[in-house]
Amino acid sequence: MTGIASAAHQRYAVLFKVLDRQARAAILLDAEATVRAVNDTARDVLRQATNLFAECERLEFAHPLTQRTFLDALEKALRPEPPASIAPCEFHVPRSLNSNRPMFGELLNCHPPAAPGGADVLLILTRLDGPLPNLERRLHSAFNLTRRESTVAALLTQPLREAELAATLGISVNTLRTHRKNIYAKLEVASRNELSLLLARLA
């Protein structure tokens, strides 16, 4: 790891540890998409992913559409606007880590940059095929979901069929569908994919 990368990693060490505990990958990039620092989860992602790779220290996506979306999001994240006015740029990595479920990506502009003259962007990747931390408590407090609905909402992000979800919860499929209908109405989403993306933002 270069001196710049070491300094960048040290600067974001606490954040990287928090994201590691949440099983979320953190990759610090410069304006050219060169990887400057990563957390342990990101190392695993880069090692295992079939459509995401770093070549010559430059982060690229094997899928052309994902790569184009990533570069567009990177350009937006680098715009010289006040930090408070910059919203996270989002994109999706399909079939990540040999999974049929997508990965949710956010690009955040880092102010000030980790190195003099650098324009650093933090890429945070969240797998949507695993449990998301602290979701039930957040859903209960932020969206007025019942505790049961919060549990169901978290499980709906899993790649399981309705019958499997109902069996896990010990309820009938019809009861599961009723919970799902109520959850969608309260969260204003229309599908399990939309629900997964919303919950990834809350994680």
N, C-alpha and C. Protein backbone atom coordinates (compact mmCIF):
# COMPACT_ATOMS: atom_id res chain seq x y z
N MET A 1 0.85 -1.19 0.00
CA MET A 1 0.00 0.00 0.00
C MET A 1 0.88 1.24 0.00
N THR A 2 0.59 2.19 -0.88
CA THR A 2 1.41 3.39 -0.99
C THR A 2 1.22 4.28 0.22
N GLY A 3 2.11 5.31 0.32
CA GLY A 3 1.99 6.25 1.43
C GLY A 3 0.67 6.97 1.43
N ILE A 4 0.21 7.38 0.22
CA ILE A 4 -1.08 8.08 0.11
C ILE A 4 -2.20 7.16 0.55
N ALA A 5 -2.17 5.90 0.08
CA ALA A 5 -3.22 4.96 0.45
C ALA A 5 -3.22 4.70 1.95
N SER A 6 -2.03 4.58 2.54
CA SER A 6 -1.94 4.35 3.98
C SER A 6 -2.52 5.52 4.75
N ALA A 7 -2.20 6.75 4.30
CA ALA A 7 -2.73 7.93 4.96
C ALA A 7 -4.24 8.00 4.82
N ALA A 8 -4.74 7.66 3.62
CA ALA A 8 -6.18 7.69 3.39
C ALA A 8 -6.88 6.67 4.27
N HIS A 9 -6.30 5.46 4.36
CA HIS A 9 -6.91 4.42 5.18
C HIS A 9 -6.93 4.84 6.64
N GLN A 10 -5.85 5.46 7.10
CA GLN A 10 -5.79 5.90 8.49
C GLN A 10 -6.84 6.97 8.76
N ARG A 11 -7.02 7.87 7.79
CA ARG A 11 -8.00 8.94 7.95
C ARG A 11 -9.41 8.38 8.12
N TYR A 12 -9.72 7.31 7.40
CA TYR A 12 -11.06 6.74 7.42
C TYR A 12 -11.13 5.45 8.23
N ALA A 13 -10.15 5.21 9.08
CA ALA A 13 -10.06 3.94 9.80
C ALA A 13 -11.31 3.66 10.62
N VAL A 14 -11.82 4.66 11.34
CA VAL A 14 -12.99 4.45 12.20
C VAL A 14 -14.21 4.13 11.34
N LEU A 15 -14.41 4.91 10.28
CA LEU A 15 -15.55 4.66 9.39
C LEU A 15 -15.45 3.27 8.76
N PHE A 16 -14.25 2.89 8.34
CA PHE A 16 -14.06 1.58 7.73
C PHE A 16 -14.42 0.46 8.71
N LYS A 17 -14.05 0.63 9.98
CA LYS A 17 -14.37 -0.39 10.99
C LYS A 17 -15.88 -0.50 11.19
N VAL A 18 -16.57 0.64 11.22
CA VAL A 18 -18.02 0.63 11.38
C VAL A 18 -18.67 -0.09 10.21
N LEU A 19 -18.24 0.22 9.00
CA LEU A 19 -18.81 -0.41 7.81
C LEU A 19 -18.47 -1.89 7.76
N ASP A 20 -17.28 -2.27 8.24
CA ASP A 20 -16.94 -3.69 8.32
C ASP A 20 -17.92 -4.43 9.22
N ARG A 21 -18.26 -3.83 10.37
CA ARG A 21 -19.20 -4.47 11.29
C ARG A 21 -20.57 -4.63 10.65
N GLN A 22 -20.90 -3.74 9.72
CA GLN A 22 -22.19 -3.81 9.02
C GLN A 22 -22.11 -4.65 7.75
N ALA A 23 -20.94 -5.26 7.52
CA ALA A 23 -20.71 -6.08 6.31
C ALA A 23 -20.92 -5.26 5.05
N ARG A 24 -20.49 -3.99 5.09
CA ARG A 24 -20.60 -3.11 3.92
C ARG A 24 -19.20 -2.77 3.43
N ALA A 25 -19.02 -2.82 2.12
CA ALA A 25 -17.72 -2.55 1.53
C ALA A 25 -17.50 -1.06 1.35
N ALA A 26 -16.31 -0.58 1.70
CA ALA A 26 -15.95 0.83 1.54
C ALA A 26 -14.70 0.91 0.69
N ILE A 27 -14.78 1.67 -0.40
CA ILE A 27 -13.66 1.82 -1.32
C ILE A 27 -13.44 3.31 -1.56
N LEU A 28 -12.27 3.80 -1.21
CA LEU A 28 -11.95 5.21 -1.42
C LEU A 28 -11.29 5.38 -2.78
N LEU A 29 -11.86 6.27 -3.60
CA LEU A 29 -11.41 6.47 -4.97
C LEU A 29 -11.00 7.92 -5.19
N ASP A 30 -10.15 8.13 -6.23
CA ASP A 30 -9.89 9.50 -6.64
C ASP A 30 -10.71 9.79 -7.90
N ALA A 31 -10.48 10.94 -8.51
CA ALA A 31 -11.29 11.36 -9.65
C ALA A 31 -11.14 10.44 -10.86
N GLU A 32 -10.05 9.67 -10.91
CA GLU A 32 -9.82 8.74 -12.02
C GLU A 32 -10.28 7.33 -11.69
N ALA A 33 -11.00 7.17 -10.59
CA ALA A 33 -11.49 5.87 -10.13
C ALA A 33 -10.36 4.95 -9.69
N THR A 34 -9.21 5.53 -9.35
CA THR A 34 -8.10 4.74 -8.81
C THR A 34 -8.38 4.43 -7.35
N VAL A 35 -8.21 3.17 -6.98
CA VAL A 35 -8.48 2.74 -5.61
C VAL A 35 -7.37 3.24 -4.70
N ARG A 36 -7.74 3.98 -3.65
CA ARG A 36 -6.75 4.54 -2.74
C ARG A 36 -6.74 3.82 -1.40
N ALA A 37 -7.88 3.29 -1.00
CA ALA A 37 -7.95 2.54 0.26
C ALA A 37 -9.24 1.75 0.28
N VAL A 38 -9.23 0.62 0.97
CA VAL A 38 -10.42 -0.22 1.09
C VAL A 38 -10.51 -0.77 2.51
N ASN A 39 -11.72 -1.16 2.92
CA ASN A 39 -11.85 -1.85 4.20
C ASN A 39 -11.81 -3.36 3.96
N ASP A 40 -11.85 -4.13 5.04
CA ASP A 40 -11.71 -5.59 4.91
C ASP A 40 -12.85 -6.20 4.09
N THR A 41 -14.07 -5.67 4.28
CA THR A 41 -15.20 -6.20 3.52
C THR A 41 -15.01 -5.96 2.03
N ALA A 42 -14.48 -4.80 1.67
CA ALA A 42 -14.23 -4.50 0.26
C ALA A 42 -13.19 -5.44 -0.33
N ARG A 43 -12.19 -5.79 0.47
CA ARG A 43 -11.18 -6.74 -0.02
C ARG A 43 -11.85 -8.07 -0.39
N ASP A 44 -12.78 -8.51 0.45
CA ASP A 44 -13.49 -9.75 0.16
C ASP A 44 -14.34 -9.61 -1.10
N VAL A 45 -15.00 -8.45 -1.24
CA VAL A 45 -15.84 -8.22 -2.42
C VAL A 45 -15.00 -8.26 -3.68
N LEU A 46 -13.88 -7.55 -3.68
CA LEU A 46 -13.02 -7.50 -4.86
C LEU A 46 -12.43 -8.86 -5.19
N ARG A 47 -12.23 -9.68 -4.15
CA ARG A 47 -11.64 -11.00 -4.36
C ARG A 47 -12.67 -11.99 -4.90
N GLN A 48 -13.94 -11.85 -4.51
CA GLN A 48 -14.95 -12.84 -4.84
C GLN A 48 -15.84 -12.48 -6.03
N ALA A 49 -16.03 -11.18 -6.27
CA ALA A 49 -17.03 -10.77 -7.25
C ALA A 49 -16.66 -11.24 -8.65
N THR A 50 -17.69 -11.63 -9.40
CA THR A 50 -17.48 -12.09 -10.78
C THR A 50 -17.61 -10.95 -11.78
N ASN A 51 -18.17 -9.83 -11.36
CA ASN A 51 -18.37 -8.74 -12.32
C ASN A 51 -17.84 -7.41 -11.80
N LEU A 52 -16.97 -7.46 -10.80
CA LEU A 52 -16.40 -6.26 -10.23
C LEU A 52 -14.92 -6.53 -9.99
N PHE A 53 -14.07 -5.67 -10.48
CA PHE A 53 -12.65 -5.96 -10.32
C PHE A 53 -11.85 -4.67 -10.35
N ALA A 54 -10.66 -4.72 -9.78
CA ALA A 54 -9.73 -3.59 -9.82
C ALA A 54 -8.53 -4.02 -10.66
N GLU A 55 -8.31 -3.34 -11.76
CA GLU A 55 -7.20 -3.66 -12.65
C GLU A 55 -6.27 -2.46 -12.71
N CYS A 56 -4.99 -2.68 -12.44
CA CYS A 56 -4.02 -1.59 -12.38
C CYS A 56 -4.47 -0.54 -11.36
N GLU A 57 -5.05 -1.02 -10.28
CA GLU A 57 -5.52 -0.18 -9.18
C GLU A 57 -6.68 0.73 -9.57
N ARG A 58 -7.25 0.54 -10.75
CA ARG A 58 -8.39 1.35 -11.17
C ARG A 58 -9.65 0.49 -11.10
N LEU A 59 -10.65 0.98 -10.38
CA LEU A 59 -11.87 0.21 -10.21
C LEU A 59 -12.70 0.24 -11.48
N GLU A 60 -13.08 -0.94 -11.95
CA GLU A 60 -13.91 -1.05 -13.13
C GLU A 60 -14.95 -2.15 -12.91
N PHE A 61 -16.05 -2.04 -13.64
CA PHE A 61 -17.10 -3.05 -13.59
C PHE A 61 -17.12 -3.77 -14.93
N ALA A 62 -17.20 -5.09 -14.89
CA ALA A 62 -17.17 -5.87 -16.12
C ALA A 62 -18.41 -5.64 -16.98
N HIS A 63 -19.55 -5.38 -16.33
CA HIS A 63 -20.79 -5.16 -17.08
C HIS A 63 -20.78 -3.73 -17.64
N PRO A 64 -20.86 -3.56 -18.97
CA PRO A 64 -20.74 -2.22 -19.58
C PRO A 64 -21.76 -1.21 -19.05
N LEU A 65 -23.01 -1.63 -18.86
CA LEU A 65 -24.03 -0.71 -18.37
C LEU A 65 -23.72 -0.26 -16.95
N THR A 66 -23.29 -1.21 -16.10
CA THR A 66 -22.93 -0.85 -14.73
C THR A 66 -21.73 0.09 -14.72
N GLN A 67 -20.75 -0.17 -15.58
CA GLN A 67 -19.58 0.69 -15.65
C GLN A 67 -19.97 2.11 -16.07
N ARG A 68 -20.86 2.23 -17.04
CA ARG A 68 -21.29 3.55 -17.50
C ARG A 68 -22.05 4.27 -16.38
N THR A 69 -22.92 3.53 -15.69
CA THR A 69 -23.67 4.13 -14.59
C THR A 69 -22.73 4.57 -13.48
N PHE A 70 -21.72 3.74 -13.20
CA PHE A 70 -20.73 4.07 -12.17
C PHE A 70 -19.97 5.35 -12.52
N LEU A 71 -19.52 5.47 -13.77
CA LEU A 71 -18.77 6.65 -14.17
C LEU A 71 -19.64 7.91 -14.13
N ASP A 72 -20.91 7.77 -14.51
CA ASP A 72 -21.83 8.91 -14.42
C ASP A 72 -22.01 9.34 -12.97
N ALA A 73 -22.17 8.35 -12.09
CA ALA A 73 -22.34 8.65 -10.66
C ALA A 73 -21.07 9.28 -10.09
N LEU A 74 -19.91 8.79 -10.53
CA LEU A 74 -18.64 9.34 -10.06
C LEU A 74 -18.51 10.81 -10.48
N GLU A 75 -18.89 11.11 -11.71
CA GLU A 75 -18.82 12.49 -12.19
C GLU A 75 -19.72 13.40 -11.36
N LYS A 76 -20.93 12.92 -11.05
CA LYS A 76 -21.85 13.72 -10.23
C LYS A 76 -21.29 13.95 -8.83
N ALA A 77 -20.69 12.90 -8.27
CA ALA A 77 -20.17 13.00 -6.90
C ALA A 77 -18.99 13.96 -6.82
N LEU A 78 -18.31 14.20 -7.94
CA LEU A 78 -17.13 15.07 -7.95
C LEU A 78 -17.46 16.53 -8.25
N ARG A 79 -18.73 16.83 -8.47
CA ARG A 79 -19.08 18.21 -8.79
C ARG A 79 -18.73 19.13 -7.62
N PRO A 80 -18.16 20.30 -7.93
CA PRO A 80 -17.72 21.23 -6.87
C PRO A 80 -18.87 22.00 -6.25
N GLU A 81 -19.70 21.30 -5.51
CA GLU A 81 -20.82 21.93 -4.83
C GLU A 81 -20.59 21.86 -3.33
N PRO A 82 -21.26 22.70 -2.57
CA PRO A 82 -21.12 22.62 -1.11
C PRO A 82 -21.49 21.22 -0.63
N PRO A 83 -20.73 20.64 0.30
CA PRO A 83 -20.99 19.27 0.75
C PRO A 83 -22.42 19.03 1.18
N ALA A 84 -23.05 20.02 1.83
CA ALA A 84 -24.40 19.82 2.34
C ALA A 84 -25.42 19.64 1.23
N SER A 85 -25.09 20.12 0.02
CA SER A 85 -26.06 20.06 -1.07
C SER A 85 -25.88 18.81 -1.94
N ILE A 86 -24.87 18.00 -1.64
CA ILE A 86 -24.59 16.83 -2.46
C ILE A 86 -25.32 15.61 -1.91
N ALA A 87 -26.21 15.07 -2.72
CA ALA A 87 -26.91 13.85 -2.32
C ALA A 87 -26.10 12.65 -2.79
N PRO A 88 -26.14 11.54 -2.05
CA PRO A 88 -25.42 10.35 -2.49
C PRO A 88 -25.87 9.91 -3.88
N CYS A 89 -24.93 9.54 -4.73
CA CYS A 89 -25.26 9.00 -6.04
C CYS A 89 -25.40 7.49 -5.90
N GLU A 90 -26.47 6.93 -6.44
CA GLU A 90 -26.76 5.52 -6.25
C GLU A 90 -26.70 4.76 -7.57
N PHE A 91 -26.27 3.52 -7.50
CA PHE A 91 -26.32 2.65 -8.66
C PHE A 91 -26.38 1.21 -8.16
N HIS A 92 -26.68 0.29 -9.06
CA HIS A 92 -26.88 -1.10 -8.65
C HIS A 92 -25.90 -2.01 -9.39
N VAL A 93 -25.35 -2.96 -8.67
CA VAL A 93 -24.42 -3.92 -9.25
C VAL A 93 -25.17 -5.25 -9.37
N PRO A 94 -25.59 -5.65 -10.57
CA PRO A 94 -26.39 -6.87 -10.70
C PRO A 94 -25.59 -8.14 -10.47
N ARG A 95 -26.25 -9.13 -9.89
CA ARG A 95 -25.68 -10.46 -9.71
C ARG A 95 -24.30 -10.41 -9.07
N SER A 96 -24.22 -9.71 -7.97
CA SER A 96 -22.94 -9.54 -7.30
C SER A 96 -22.60 -10.76 -6.45
N LEU A 97 -21.32 -11.03 -6.33
CA LEU A 97 -20.82 -12.11 -5.48
C LEU A 97 -21.52 -13.44 -5.77
N ASN A 98 -21.70 -13.73 -7.05
CA ASN A 98 -22.33 -14.99 -7.48
C ASN A 98 -23.75 -15.13 -6.94
N SER A 99 -24.40 -14.02 -6.65
CA SER A 99 -25.75 -14.05 -6.11
C SER A 99 -26.73 -13.56 -7.16
N ASN A 100 -27.99 -13.97 -7.03
CA ASN A 100 -29.02 -13.48 -7.93
C ASN A 100 -29.59 -12.15 -7.48
N ARG A 101 -29.17 -11.67 -6.31
CA ARG A 101 -29.66 -10.40 -5.80
C ARG A 101 -28.63 -9.30 -6.07
N PRO A 102 -29.09 -8.07 -6.25
CA PRO A 102 -28.15 -6.99 -6.60
C PRO A 102 -27.38 -6.47 -5.40
N MET A 103 -26.42 -5.62 -5.70
CA MET A 103 -25.68 -4.89 -4.68
C MET A 103 -26.03 -3.42 -4.85
N PHE A 104 -26.23 -2.73 -3.76
CA PHE A 104 -26.62 -1.33 -3.78
C PHE A 104 -25.39 -0.48 -3.53
N GLY A 105 -25.11 0.47 -4.43
CA GLY A 105 -23.92 1.28 -4.32
C GLY A 105 -24.23 2.75 -4.09
N GLU A 106 -23.43 3.40 -3.25
CA GLU A 106 -23.55 4.83 -3.01
C GLU A 106 -22.17 5.47 -3.16
N LEU A 107 -22.12 6.60 -3.84
CA LEU A 107 -20.88 7.37 -3.97
C LEU A 107 -21.04 8.67 -3.21
N LEU A 108 -20.13 8.92 -2.28
CA LEU A 108 -20.20 10.12 -1.45
C LEU A 108 -18.93 10.94 -1.63
N ASN A 109 -19.10 12.24 -1.85
CA ASN A 109 -17.95 13.13 -1.98
C ASN A 109 -17.34 13.35 -0.60
N CYS A 110 -16.02 13.24 -0.51
CA CYS A 110 -15.32 13.42 0.77
C CYS A 110 -14.73 14.83 0.83
N HIS A 111 -15.10 15.56 1.85
CA HIS A 111 -14.59 16.93 2.03
C HIS A 111 -13.98 17.04 3.43
N PRO A 112 -12.72 17.47 3.56
CA PRO A 112 -11.79 17.71 2.46
C PRO A 112 -11.24 16.39 1.94
N PRO A 113 -10.56 16.39 0.79
CA PRO A 113 -9.99 15.14 0.27
C PRO A 113 -8.93 14.58 1.19
N ALA A 114 -8.67 13.29 1.04
CA ALA A 114 -7.73 12.61 1.94
C ALA A 114 -6.28 13.01 1.66
N ALA A 115 -6.00 13.52 0.49
CA ALA A 115 -4.63 13.92 0.16
C ALA A 115 -4.66 15.26 -0.55
N PRO A 116 -3.63 16.08 -0.40
CA PRO A 116 -3.59 17.39 -1.06
C PRO A 116 -3.79 17.26 -2.57
N GLY A 117 -4.70 18.07 -3.10
CA GLY A 117 -4.94 18.04 -4.54
C GLY A 117 -5.82 16.91 -4.99
N GLY A 118 -6.23 16.04 -4.08
CA GLY A 118 -7.05 14.90 -4.46
C GLY A 118 -8.53 15.23 -4.36
N ALA A 119 -9.32 14.57 -5.17
CA ALA A 119 -10.78 14.72 -5.10
C ALA A 119 -11.33 13.34 -4.78
N ASP A 120 -11.41 13.01 -3.51
CA ASP A 120 -11.73 11.65 -3.12
C ASP A 120 -13.23 11.42 -3.01
N VAL A 121 -13.62 10.23 -3.41
CA VAL A 121 -15.01 9.80 -3.34
C VAL A 121 -15.04 8.46 -2.63
N LEU A 122 -15.99 8.30 -1.73
CA LEU A 122 -16.13 7.04 -1.00
C LEU A 122 -17.26 6.24 -1.63
N LEU A 123 -16.94 5.05 -2.10
CA LEU A 123 -17.94 4.13 -2.64
C LEU A 123 -18.30 3.14 -1.55
N ILE A 124 -19.59 3.07 -1.21
CA ILE A 124 -20.08 2.13 -0.21
C ILE A 124 -21.01 1.15 -0.90
N LEU A 125 -20.70 -0.13 -0.78
CA LEU A 125 -21.50 -1.18 -1.41
C LEU A 125 -22.17 -2.02 -0.33
N THR A 126 -23.47 -2.23 -0.49
CA THR A 126 -24.24 -3.03 0.46
C THR A 126 -24.87 -4.20 -0.27
N ARG A 127 -24.58 -5.41 0.19
CA ARG A 127 -25.21 -6.59 -0.39
C ARG A 127 -26.68 -6.63 0.00
N LEU A 128 -27.53 -6.96 -0.96
CA LEU A 128 -28.97 -7.02 -0.69
C LEU A 128 -29.46 -8.45 -0.51
N ASP A 129 -28.53 -9.39 -0.34
CA ASP A 129 -28.94 -10.78 -0.14
C ASP A 129 -28.58 -11.26 1.25
N GLY A 130 -28.40 -10.33 2.17
CA GLY A 130 -28.09 -10.69 3.54
C GLY A 130 -28.83 -9.78 4.50
N PRO A 131 -28.87 -10.12 5.78
CA PRO A 131 -29.57 -9.28 6.75
C PRO A 131 -28.90 -7.93 6.90
N LEU A 132 -29.70 -6.88 7.02
CA LEU A 132 -29.18 -5.54 7.19
C LEU A 132 -29.27 -5.16 8.67
N PRO A 133 -28.22 -4.56 9.23
CA PRO A 133 -28.14 -4.34 10.67
C PRO A 133 -29.11 -3.29 11.19
N ASN A 134 -29.66 -3.56 12.39
CA ASN A 134 -30.49 -2.59 13.12
C ASN A 134 -31.73 -2.15 12.36
N LEU A 135 -32.15 -2.92 11.37
CA LEU A 135 -33.27 -2.49 10.55
C LEU A 135 -34.59 -2.48 11.31
N GLU A 136 -34.82 -3.52 12.08
CA GLU A 136 -36.12 -3.63 12.73
C GLU A 136 -36.38 -2.44 13.64
N ARG A 137 -35.37 -2.05 14.42
CA ARG A 137 -35.53 -0.91 15.32
C ARG A 137 -35.76 0.38 14.52
N ARG A 138 -35.01 0.56 13.44
CA ARG A 138 -35.14 1.79 12.65
C ARG A 138 -36.49 1.86 11.94
N LEU A 139 -36.94 0.73 11.42
CA LEU A 139 -38.24 0.72 10.74
C LEU A 139 -39.36 1.02 11.71
N HIS A 140 -39.25 0.47 12.91
CA HIS A 140 -40.28 0.68 13.93
C HIS A 140 -40.36 2.15 14.32
N SER A 141 -39.20 2.80 14.47
CA SER A 141 -39.19 4.19 14.94
C SER A 141 -39.42 5.19 13.82
N ALA A 142 -38.90 4.91 12.61
CA ALA A 142 -38.96 5.89 11.53
C ALA A 142 -40.24 5.82 10.71
N PHE A 143 -40.82 4.62 10.57
CA PHE A 143 -41.97 4.46 9.68
C PHE A 143 -43.22 3.95 10.39
N ASN A 144 -43.14 3.86 11.71
CA ASN A 144 -44.30 3.42 12.49
C ASN A 144 -44.76 2.02 12.12
N LEU A 145 -43.82 1.19 11.67
CA LEU A 145 -44.15 -0.22 11.45
C LEU A 145 -44.27 -0.90 12.81
N THR A 146 -45.18 -1.86 12.90
CA THR A 146 -45.23 -2.66 14.11
C THR A 146 -43.97 -3.50 14.18
N ARG A 147 -43.70 -4.05 15.35
CA ARG A 147 -42.50 -4.87 15.48
C ARG A 147 -42.57 -6.10 14.57
N ARG A 148 -43.77 -6.65 14.42
CA ARG A 148 -43.93 -7.80 13.54
C ARG A 148 -43.68 -7.39 12.08
N GLU A 149 -44.23 -6.24 11.68
CA GLU A 149 -44.02 -5.75 10.32
C GLU A 149 -42.55 -5.46 10.06
N SER A 150 -41.86 -4.94 11.07
CA SER A 150 -40.43 -4.66 10.92
C SER A 150 -39.65 -5.94 10.68
N THR A 151 -40.01 -7.00 11.42
CA THR A 151 -39.35 -8.29 11.23
C THR A 151 -39.61 -8.83 9.83
N VAL A 152 -40.87 -8.73 9.39
CA VAL A 152 -41.23 -9.22 8.05
C VAL A 152 -40.50 -8.42 6.98
N ALA A 153 -40.44 -7.09 7.15
CA ALA A 153 -39.77 -6.24 6.16
C ALA A 153 -38.31 -6.63 6.00
N ALA A 154 -37.63 -6.87 7.12
CA ALA A 154 -36.22 -7.26 7.05
C ALA A 154 -36.06 -8.60 6.33
N LEU A 155 -36.97 -9.54 6.59
CA LEU A 155 -36.88 -10.85 5.94
C LEU A 155 -37.22 -10.79 4.46
N LEU A 156 -38.04 -9.82 4.06
CA LEU A 156 -38.41 -9.70 2.65
C LEU A 156 -37.22 -9.34 1.76
N THR A 157 -36.12 -8.89 2.36
CA THR A 157 -34.92 -8.61 1.58
C THR A 157 -34.14 -9.88 1.25
N GLN A 158 -34.53 -10.99 1.88
CA GLN A 158 -33.82 -12.25 1.65
C GLN A 158 -34.31 -12.93 0.38
N PRO A 159 -33.43 -13.67 -0.32
CA PRO A 159 -33.82 -14.34 -1.56
C PRO A 159 -34.59 -15.63 -1.28
N LEU A 160 -35.75 -15.48 -0.63
CA LEU A 160 -36.58 -16.62 -0.26
C LEU A 160 -37.96 -16.48 -0.89
N ARG A 161 -38.58 -17.62 -1.18
CA ARG A 161 -39.94 -17.60 -1.71
C ARG A 161 -40.93 -17.34 -0.58
N GLU A 162 -42.15 -16.98 -0.96
CA GLU A 162 -43.17 -16.65 0.04
C GLU A 162 -43.37 -17.78 1.04
N ALA A 163 -43.45 -19.01 0.54
CA ALA A 163 -43.68 -20.15 1.43
C ALA A 163 -42.54 -20.30 2.43
N GLU A 164 -41.31 -20.07 1.98
CA GLU A 164 -40.15 -20.18 2.87
C GLU A 164 -40.16 -19.07 3.92
N LEU A 165 -40.53 -17.86 3.50
CA LEU A 165 -40.61 -16.74 4.44
C LEU A 165 -41.68 -17.00 5.49
N ALA A 166 -42.84 -17.48 5.03
CA ALA A 166 -43.95 -17.75 5.95
C ALA A 166 -43.55 -18.83 6.96
N ALA A 167 -42.87 -19.87 6.48
CA ALA A 167 -42.43 -20.94 7.37
C ALA A 167 -41.42 -20.43 8.39
N THR A 168 -40.52 -19.55 7.96
CA THR A 168 -39.54 -18.97 8.87
C THR A 168 -40.21 -18.18 9.98
N LEU A 169 -41.30 -17.48 9.63
CA LEU A 169 -42.01 -16.64 10.59
C LEU A 169 -43.06 -17.41 11.38
N GLY A 170 -43.39 -18.61 10.91
CA GLY A 170 -44.42 -19.40 11.58
C GLY A 170 -45.81 -18.87 11.33
N ILE A 171 -46.05 -18.32 10.13
CA ILE A 171 -47.36 -17.77 9.78
C ILE A 171 -47.78 -18.34 8.43
N SER A 172 -49.02 -18.10 8.05
CA SER A 172 -49.49 -18.57 6.75
C SER A 172 -49.05 -17.61 5.65
N VAL A 173 -49.09 -18.09 4.41
CA VAL A 173 -48.73 -17.24 3.28
C VAL A 173 -49.68 -16.05 3.17
N ASN A 174 -50.97 -16.28 3.44
CA ASN A 174 -51.93 -15.18 3.38
C ASN A 174 -51.62 -14.09 4.41
N THR A 175 -51.22 -14.52 5.61
CA THR A 175 -50.84 -13.54 6.64
C THR A 175 -49.59 -12.78 6.22
N LEU A 176 -48.65 -13.49 5.62
CA LEU A 176 -47.44 -12.84 5.11
C LEU A 176 -47.80 -11.78 4.08
N ARG A 177 -48.72 -12.12 3.18
CA ARG A 177 -49.11 -11.17 2.13
C ARG A 177 -49.80 -9.95 2.72
N THR A 178 -50.57 -10.15 3.79
CA THR A 178 -51.21 -9.01 4.46
C THR A 178 -50.16 -8.09 5.07
N HIS A 179 -49.18 -8.68 5.75
CA HIS A 179 -48.09 -7.87 6.31
C HIS A 179 -47.36 -7.12 5.21
N ARG A 180 -47.08 -7.82 4.11
CA ARG A 180 -46.35 -7.20 3.00
C ARG A 180 -47.12 -6.02 2.42
N LYS A 181 -48.42 -6.19 2.25
CA LYS A 181 -49.26 -5.11 1.73
C LYS A 181 -49.19 -3.88 2.64
N ASN A 182 -49.28 -4.11 3.94
CA ASN A 182 -49.23 -3.00 4.90
C ASN A 182 -47.85 -2.32 4.89
N ILE A 183 -46.80 -3.13 4.78
CA ILE A 183 -45.43 -2.60 4.76
C ILE A 183 -45.23 -1.73 3.52
N TYR A 184 -45.65 -2.24 2.36
CA TYR A 184 -45.49 -1.48 1.12
C TYR A 184 -46.22 -0.14 1.21
N ALA A 185 -47.41 -0.15 1.80
CA ALA A 185 -48.19 1.08 1.91
C ALA A 185 -47.50 2.09 2.82
N LYS A 186 -46.98 1.64 3.95
CA LYS A 186 -46.33 2.55 4.89
C LYS A 186 -45.01 3.09 4.35
N LEU A 187 -44.27 2.25 3.61
CA LEU A 187 -42.96 2.66 3.10
C LEU A 187 -43.05 3.25 1.69
N GLU A 188 -44.24 3.18 1.09
CA GLU A 188 -44.47 3.72 -0.25
C GLU A 188 -43.55 3.08 -1.28
N VAL A 189 -43.50 1.75 -1.25
CA VAL A 189 -42.76 0.98 -2.25
C VAL A 189 -43.73 0.03 -2.92
N ALA A 190 -43.32 -0.51 -4.07
CA ALA A 190 -44.23 -1.36 -4.84
C ALA A 190 -43.69 -2.76 -5.10
N SER A 191 -42.47 -3.05 -4.64
CA SER A 191 -41.89 -4.36 -4.91
C SER A 191 -40.84 -4.69 -3.86
N ARG A 192 -40.42 -5.96 -3.83
CA ARG A 192 -39.38 -6.37 -2.89
C ARG A 192 -38.04 -5.73 -3.25
N ASN A 193 -37.81 -5.49 -4.55
CA ASN A 193 -36.57 -4.84 -4.94
C ASN A 193 -36.53 -3.40 -4.44
N GLU A 194 -37.65 -2.67 -4.60
CA GLU A 194 -37.71 -1.30 -4.09
C GLU A 194 -37.55 -1.29 -2.57
N LEU A 195 -38.15 -2.26 -1.91
CA LEU A 195 -38.01 -2.37 -0.46
C LEU A 195 -36.55 -2.59 -0.08
N SER A 196 -35.86 -3.49 -0.80
CA SER A 196 -34.46 -3.78 -0.51
C SER A 196 -33.59 -2.54 -0.66
N LEU A 197 -33.84 -1.77 -1.70
CA LEU A 197 -33.05 -0.56 -1.93
C LEU A 197 -33.29 0.47 -0.84
N LEU A 198 -34.55 0.60 -0.41
CA LEU A 198 -34.86 1.54 0.67
C LEU A 198 -34.17 1.11 1.96
N LEU A 199 -34.23 -0.18 2.27
CA LEU A 199 -33.63 -0.67 3.51
C LEU A 199 -32.12 -0.56 3.48
N ALA A 200 -31.53 -0.67 2.29
CA ALA A 200 -30.07 -0.51 2.18
C ALA A 200 -29.66 0.90 2.57
N ARG A 201 -30.50 1.89 2.25
CA ARG A 201 -30.19 3.27 2.62
C ARG A 201 -30.26 3.47 4.13
N LEU A 202 -31.12 2.67 4.79
CA LEU A 202 -31.28 2.82 6.23
C LEU A 202 -30.20 2.10 7.02
N ALA A 203 -29.53 1.13 6.38
CA ALA A 203 -28.58 0.28 7.10
C ALA A 203 -27.38 1.08 7.59
